[in-house]
């Protein structure tokens, strides 16, 4: 089982690795930037991420980089899944285009604590989330089971 570090706040390193250990599942931590090469190497049989919000059509918003993982997984024929509680589904949001994306400042990526490694005056592009289109998602895992595309009818039934 592999887990990405999930920059810039390192939720994968701090939380996912802890949860895997608590469940007795051996895990290997990797930099976010190494995920594509790992998937391309053939060592990954499925990709599973969480989701912070799932639109009525199945588009899923999650930590930035999730869309990239889904695209790389699709390129290499590896199924990509979202895992999320039913409270994450938002039937009032028709698609991912309607999900606002939070942007954060340079403090998370231009340095750490009092140490700065990015020169002053440079710009920062730091979205906290991105949206993975439903067509890249093989299934959505929730308390009711695994939803399969097309997601709209199943999400409507679960949230209606």
C-alpha atoms as a PDB file:
ATOM      1  CA  UNK A   1       0.000   0.000   0.000  1.00  0.00           C
ATOM      2  CA  UNK A   2       1.390   3.397  -0.996  1.00  0.00           C
ATOM      3  CA  UNK A   3       0.447   6.814   0.368  1.00  0.00           C
ATOM      4  CA  UNK A   4       1.463  10.180  -1.016  1.00  0.00           C
ATOM      5  CA  UNK A   5       2.685  12.827   1.404  1.00  0.00           C
ATOM      6  CA  UNK A   6      -0.170  15.181   0.355  1.00  0.00           C
ATOM      7  CA  UNK A   7       1.514  18.564   0.300  1.00  0.00           C
ATOM      8  CA  UNK A   8       1.487  21.201   1.485  1.00  0.00           C
ATOM      9  CA  UNK A   9      -0.033  20.166   4.835  1.00  0.00           C
ATOM     10  CA  UNK A  10       1.223  16.556   4.670  1.00  0.00           C
ATOM     11  CA  UNK A  11      -2.064  14.836   5.512  1.00  0.00           C
ATOM     12  CA  UNK A  12      -0.855  11.659   3.812  1.00  0.00           C
ATOM     13  CA  UNK A  13       2.362  11.551   5.805  1.00  0.00           C
ATOM     14  CA  UNK A  14       0.710  12.517   9.092  1.00  0.00           C
ATOM     15  CA  UNK A  15      -2.731  10.910   8.871  1.00  0.00           C
ATOM     16  CA  UNK A  16      -2.894   8.243   6.169  1.00  0.00           C
ATOM     17  CA  UNK A  17       0.340   6.570   7.256  1.00  0.00           C
ATOM     18  CA  UNK A  18      -0.828   6.652  10.891  1.00  0.00           C
ATOM     19  CA  UNK A  19      -4.199   5.114   9.964  1.00  0.00           C
ATOM     20  CA  UNK A  20      -2.544   2.380   7.905  1.00  0.00           C
ATOM     21  CA  UNK A  21      -0.258   1.561  10.837  1.00  0.00           C
ATOM     22  CA  UNK A  22      -3.173   1.531  13.279  1.00  0.00           C
ATOM     23  CA  UNK A  23      -4.901  -1.023  11.039  1.00  0.00           C
ATOM     24  CA  UNK A  24      -1.754  -3.122  10.722  1.00  0.00           C
ATOM     25  CA  UNK A  25      -1.432  -2.389   7.005  1.00  0.00           C
ATOM     26  CA  UNK A  26       2.161  -1.917   5.854  1.00  0.00           C
ATOM     27  CA  UNK A  27       2.511   1.357   3.992  1.00  0.00           C
ATOM     28  CA  UNK A  28       5.148   3.085   1.916  1.00  0.00           C
ATOM     29  CA  UNK A  29       5.212   6.888   1.864  1.00  0.00           C
ATOM     30  CA  UNK A  30       6.195   8.649  -1.334  1.00  0.00           C
ATOM     31  CA  UNK A  31       6.529  12.247  -2.480  1.00  0.00           C
ATOM     32  CA  UNK A  32       3.497  13.513  -4.387  1.00  0.00           C
ATOM     33  CA  UNK A  33       5.727  14.038  -7.415  1.00  0.00           C
ATOM     34  CA  UNK A  34       6.687  10.332  -7.490  1.00  0.00           C
ATOM     35  CA  UNK A  35       3.130   9.015  -7.845  1.00  0.00           C
ATOM     36  CA  UNK A  36       3.024   9.189 -11.647  1.00  0.00           C
ATOM     37  CA  UNK A  37       6.235   7.211 -12.089  1.00  0.00           C
ATOM     38  CA  UNK A  38       5.078   4.619  -9.552  1.00  0.00           C
ATOM     39  CA  UNK A  39       1.766   4.152 -11.392  1.00  0.00           C
ATOM     40  CA  UNK A  40       3.592   3.967 -14.737  1.00  0.00           C
ATOM     41  CA  UNK A  41       5.917   1.273 -13.340  1.00  0.00           C
ATOM     42  CA  UNK A  42       3.020  -1.185 -13.092  1.00  0.00           C
ATOM     43  CA  UNK A  43       3.297  -1.583  -9.311  1.00  0.00           C
ATOM     44  CA  UNK A  44      -0.137  -0.046  -8.629  1.00  0.00           C
ATOM     45  CA  UNK A  45      -3.319  -2.058  -9.247  1.00  0.00           C
ATOM     46  CA  UNK A  46      -5.791   0.642  -8.112  1.00  0.00           C
ATOM     47  CA  UNK A  47      -5.754   4.216  -6.834  1.00  0.00           C
ATOM     48  CA  UNK A  48      -8.070   5.194  -3.974  1.00  0.00           C
ATOM     49  CA  UNK A  49      -8.341   8.718  -2.604  1.00  0.00           C
ATOM     50  CA  UNK A  50     -10.765  10.513  -0.366  1.00  0.00           C
ATOM     51  CA  UNK A  51     -13.084  13.292  -1.461  1.00  0.00           C
ATOM     52  CA  UNK A  52     -14.087  16.498   0.255  1.00  0.00           C
ATOM     53  CA  UNK A  53     -17.154  17.028  -1.941  1.00  0.00           C
ATOM     54  CA  UNK A  54     -18.892  15.022  -4.656  1.00  0.00           C
ATOM     55  CA  UNK A  55     -21.197  16.766  -7.127  1.00  0.00           C
ATOM     56  CA  UNK A  56     -24.495  15.335  -8.377  1.00  0.00           C
ATOM     57  CA  UNK A  57     -22.847  14.055 -11.573  1.00  0.00           C
ATOM     58  CA  UNK A  58     -20.011  12.293  -9.703  1.00  0.00           C
ATOM     59  CA  UNK A  59     -17.268  14.888 -10.175  1.00  0.00           C
ATOM     60  CA  UNK A  60     -15.152  14.866  -7.014  1.00  0.00           C
ATOM     61  CA  UNK A  61     -13.241  17.662  -5.271  1.00  0.00           C
ATOM     62  CA  UNK A  62     -10.291  16.601  -3.146  1.00  0.00           C
ATOM     63  CA  UNK A  63      -6.806  17.725  -2.167  1.00  0.00           C
ATOM     64  CA  UNK A  64      -4.909  19.284  -5.051  1.00  0.00           C
ATOM     65  CA  UNK A  65      -3.157  16.662  -7.127  1.00  0.00           C
ATOM     66  CA  UNK A  66      -6.043  14.200  -7.079  1.00  0.00           C
ATOM     67  CA  UNK A  67      -7.058  15.097 -10.636  1.00  0.00           C
ATOM     68  CA  UNK A  68      -3.490  14.460 -11.768  1.00  0.00           C
ATOM     69  CA  UNK A  69      -3.473  11.051 -10.085  1.00  0.00           C
ATOM     70  CA  UNK A  70      -6.740  10.153 -11.819  1.00  0.00           C
ATOM     71  CA  UNK A  71      -5.422  11.275 -15.207  1.00  0.00           C
ATOM     72  CA  UNK A  72      -2.197   9.282 -14.818  1.00  0.00           C
ATOM     73  CA  UNK A  73      -4.144   6.247 -13.604  1.00  0.00           C
ATOM     74  CA  UNK A  74      -6.427   6.469 -16.658  1.00  0.00           C
ATOM     75  CA  UNK A  75      -3.422   6.748 -18.977  1.00  0.00           C
ATOM     76  CA  UNK A  76      -1.996   3.514 -17.547  1.00  0.00           C
ATOM     77  CA  UNK A  77      -5.272   1.571 -17.285  1.00  0.00           C
ATOM     78  CA  UNK A  78      -5.330   1.650 -13.478  1.00  0.00           C
ATOM     79  CA  UNK A  79      -8.814   2.072 -11.937  1.00  0.00           C
ATOM     80  CA  UNK A  80      -9.278   5.219  -9.849  1.00  0.00           C
ATOM     81  CA  UNK A  81     -11.753   5.311  -6.931  1.00  0.00           C
ATOM     82  CA  UNK A  82     -13.040   7.935  -4.530  1.00  0.00           C
ATOM     83  CA  UNK A  83     -13.898   6.862  -0.980  1.00  0.00           C
ATOM     84  CA  UNK A  84     -16.149   9.198   0.969  1.00  0.00           C
ATOM     85  CA  UNK A  85     -19.045   9.240   3.429  1.00  0.00           C
ATOM     86  CA  UNK A  86     -22.543  10.044   2.181  1.00  0.00           C
ATOM     87  CA  UNK A  87     -22.286  13.446   3.886  1.00  0.00           C
ATOM     88  CA  UNK A  88     -19.769  14.368   1.154  1.00  0.00           C
ATOM     89  CA  UNK A  89     -22.345  14.052  -1.647  1.00  0.00           C
ATOM     90  CA  UNK A  90     -23.900  17.375  -2.680  1.00  0.00           C
ATOM     91  CA  UNK A  91     -26.981  16.839  -4.838  1.00  0.00           C
ATOM     92  CA  UNK A  92     -27.431  20.632  -5.085  1.00  0.00           C
ATOM     93  CA  UNK A  93     -24.131  21.021  -6.934  1.00  0.00           C
ATOM     94  CA  UNK A  94     -24.706  19.799 -10.495  1.00  0.00           C
ATOM     95  CA  UNK A  95     -21.045  19.329 -11.459  1.00  0.00           C
ATOM     96  CA  UNK A  96     -17.511  20.026 -10.352  1.00  0.00           C
ATOM     97  CA  UNK A  97     -17.553  23.306 -12.275  1.00  0.00           C
ATOM     98  CA  UNK A  98     -19.822  24.680  -9.526  1.00  0.00           C
ATOM     99  CA  UNK A  99     -17.455  23.733  -6.680  1.00  0.00           C
ATOM    100  CA  UNK A 100     -15.465  26.764  -5.516  1.00  0.00           C
ATOM    101  CA  UNK A 101     -11.741  26.092  -5.165  1.00  0.00           C
ATOM    102  CA  UNK A 102      -9.921  27.622  -2.200  1.00  0.00           C
ATOM    103  CA  UNK A 103      -6.572  29.237  -2.944  1.00  0.00           C
ATOM    104  CA  UNK A 104      -4.009  29.623  -0.191  1.00  0.00           C
ATOM    105  CA  UNK A 105      -1.056  31.950   0.265  1.00  0.00           C
ATOM    106  CA  UNK A 106       2.627  31.410  -0.283  1.00  0.00           C
ATOM    107  CA  UNK A 107       3.370  30.469   3.332  1.00  0.00           C
ATOM    108  CA  UNK A 108       2.572  26.813   2.674  1.00  0.00           C
ATOM    109  CA  UNK A 109       4.808  26.370  -0.349  1.00  0.00           C
ATOM    110  CA  UNK A 110       7.467  29.084  -0.188  1.00  0.00           C
ATOM    111  CA  UNK A 111       9.082  27.772   2.969  1.00  0.00           C
ATOM    112  CA  UNK A 112       8.540  26.024   6.262  1.00  0.00           C
ATOM    113  CA  UNK A 113       8.155  27.835   9.562  1.00  0.00           C
ATOM    114  CA  UNK A 114      10.699  30.639   9.663  1.00  0.00           C
ATOM    115  CA  UNK A 115      12.785  29.124   6.855  1.00  0.00           C
ATOM    116  CA  UNK A 116      12.124  30.594   3.401  1.00  0.00           C
ATOM    117  CA  UNK A 117      13.472  28.954   0.271  1.00  0.00           C
ATOM    118  CA  UNK A 118      11.458  30.826  -2.338  1.00  0.00           C
ATOM    119  CA  UNK A 119      12.807  34.296  -3.175  1.00  0.00           C
ATOM    120  CA  UNK A 120      10.656  37.287  -2.304  1.00  0.00           C
ATOM    121  CA  UNK A 121       8.700  38.766  -5.172  1.00  0.00           C
ATOM    122  CA  UNK A 122       7.894  35.507  -6.942  1.00  0.00           C
ATOM    123  CA  UNK A 123       4.281  34.491  -7.411  1.00  0.00           C
ATOM    124  CA  UNK A 124       2.644  31.389  -5.963  1.00  0.00           C
ATOM    125  CA  UNK A 125      -0.141  29.251  -7.425  1.00  0.00           C
ATOM    126  CA  UNK A 126      -1.492  27.316  -4.454  1.00  0.00           C
ATOM    127  CA  UNK A 127      -4.980  25.822  -4.875  1.00  0.00           C
ATOM    128  CA  UNK A 128      -5.976  23.675  -1.911  1.00  0.00           C
ATOM    129  CA  UNK A 129      -8.239  21.415  -3.995  1.00  0.00           C
ATOM    130  CA  UNK A 130      -8.910  20.302  -7.543  1.00  0.00           C
ATOM    131  CA  UNK A 131     -11.840  18.550  -9.210  1.00  0.00           C
ATOM    132  CA  UNK A 132     -11.603  15.113 -10.797  1.00  0.00           C
ATOM    133  CA  UNK A 133     -14.129  14.618 -13.622  1.00  0.00           C
ATOM    134  CA  UNK A 134     -16.550  11.725 -13.150  1.00  0.00           C
ATOM    135  CA  UNK A 135     -15.393  10.071 -16.378  1.00  0.00           C
ATOM    136  CA  UNK A 136     -12.007   9.342 -14.755  1.00  0.00           C
ATOM    137  CA  UNK A 137     -13.594   7.695 -11.696  1.00  0.00           C
ATOM    138  CA  UNK A 138     -14.154   3.914 -11.844  1.00  0.00           C
ATOM    139  CA  UNK A 139     -16.213   3.869  -8.648  1.00  0.00           C
ATOM    140  CA  UNK A 140     -17.211   5.837  -5.573  1.00  0.00           C
ATOM    141  CA  UNK A 141     -16.998   3.879  -2.320  1.00  0.00           C
ATOM    142  CA  UNK A 142     -19.419   4.916   0.445  1.00  0.00           C
ATOM    143  CA  UNK A 143     -21.452   3.354   3.256  1.00  0.00           C
ATOM    144  CA  UNK A 144     -24.000   2.108   0.728  1.00  0.00           C
ATOM    145  CA  UNK A 145     -21.437   0.226  -1.345  1.00  0.00           C
ATOM    146  CA  UNK A 146     -19.579   1.055  -4.528  1.00  0.00           C
ATOM    147  CA  UNK A 147     -21.339   3.370  -6.961  1.00  0.00           C
ATOM    148  CA  UNK A 148     -20.549   2.877 -10.647  1.00  0.00           C
ATOM    149  CA  UNK A 149     -20.979   5.266 -13.579  1.00  0.00           C
ATOM    150  CA  UNK A 150     -23.178   6.915 -14.574  1.00  0.00           C
ATOM    151  CA  UNK A 151     -23.260   8.414 -11.095  1.00  0.00           C
ATOM    152  CA  UNK A 152     -26.169  10.843 -11.389  1.00  0.00           C
ATOM    153  CA  UNK A 153     -29.038   8.386 -10.774  1.00  0.00           C
ATOM    154  CA  UNK A 154     -27.275   6.613  -7.884  1.00  0.00           C
ATOM    155  CA  UNK A 155     -26.312   9.878  -6.188  1.00  0.00           C
ATOM    156  CA  UNK A 156     -29.866  11.199  -6.612  1.00  0.00           C
ATOM    157  CA  UNK A 157     -31.275   8.033  -5.030  1.00  0.00           C
ATOM    158  CA  UNK A 158     -28.876   8.231  -2.074  1.00  0.00           C
ATOM    159  CA  UNK A 159     -29.334  11.936  -1.401  1.00  0.00           C
ATOM    160  CA  UNK A 160     -33.009  12.312  -2.307  1.00  0.00           C
END
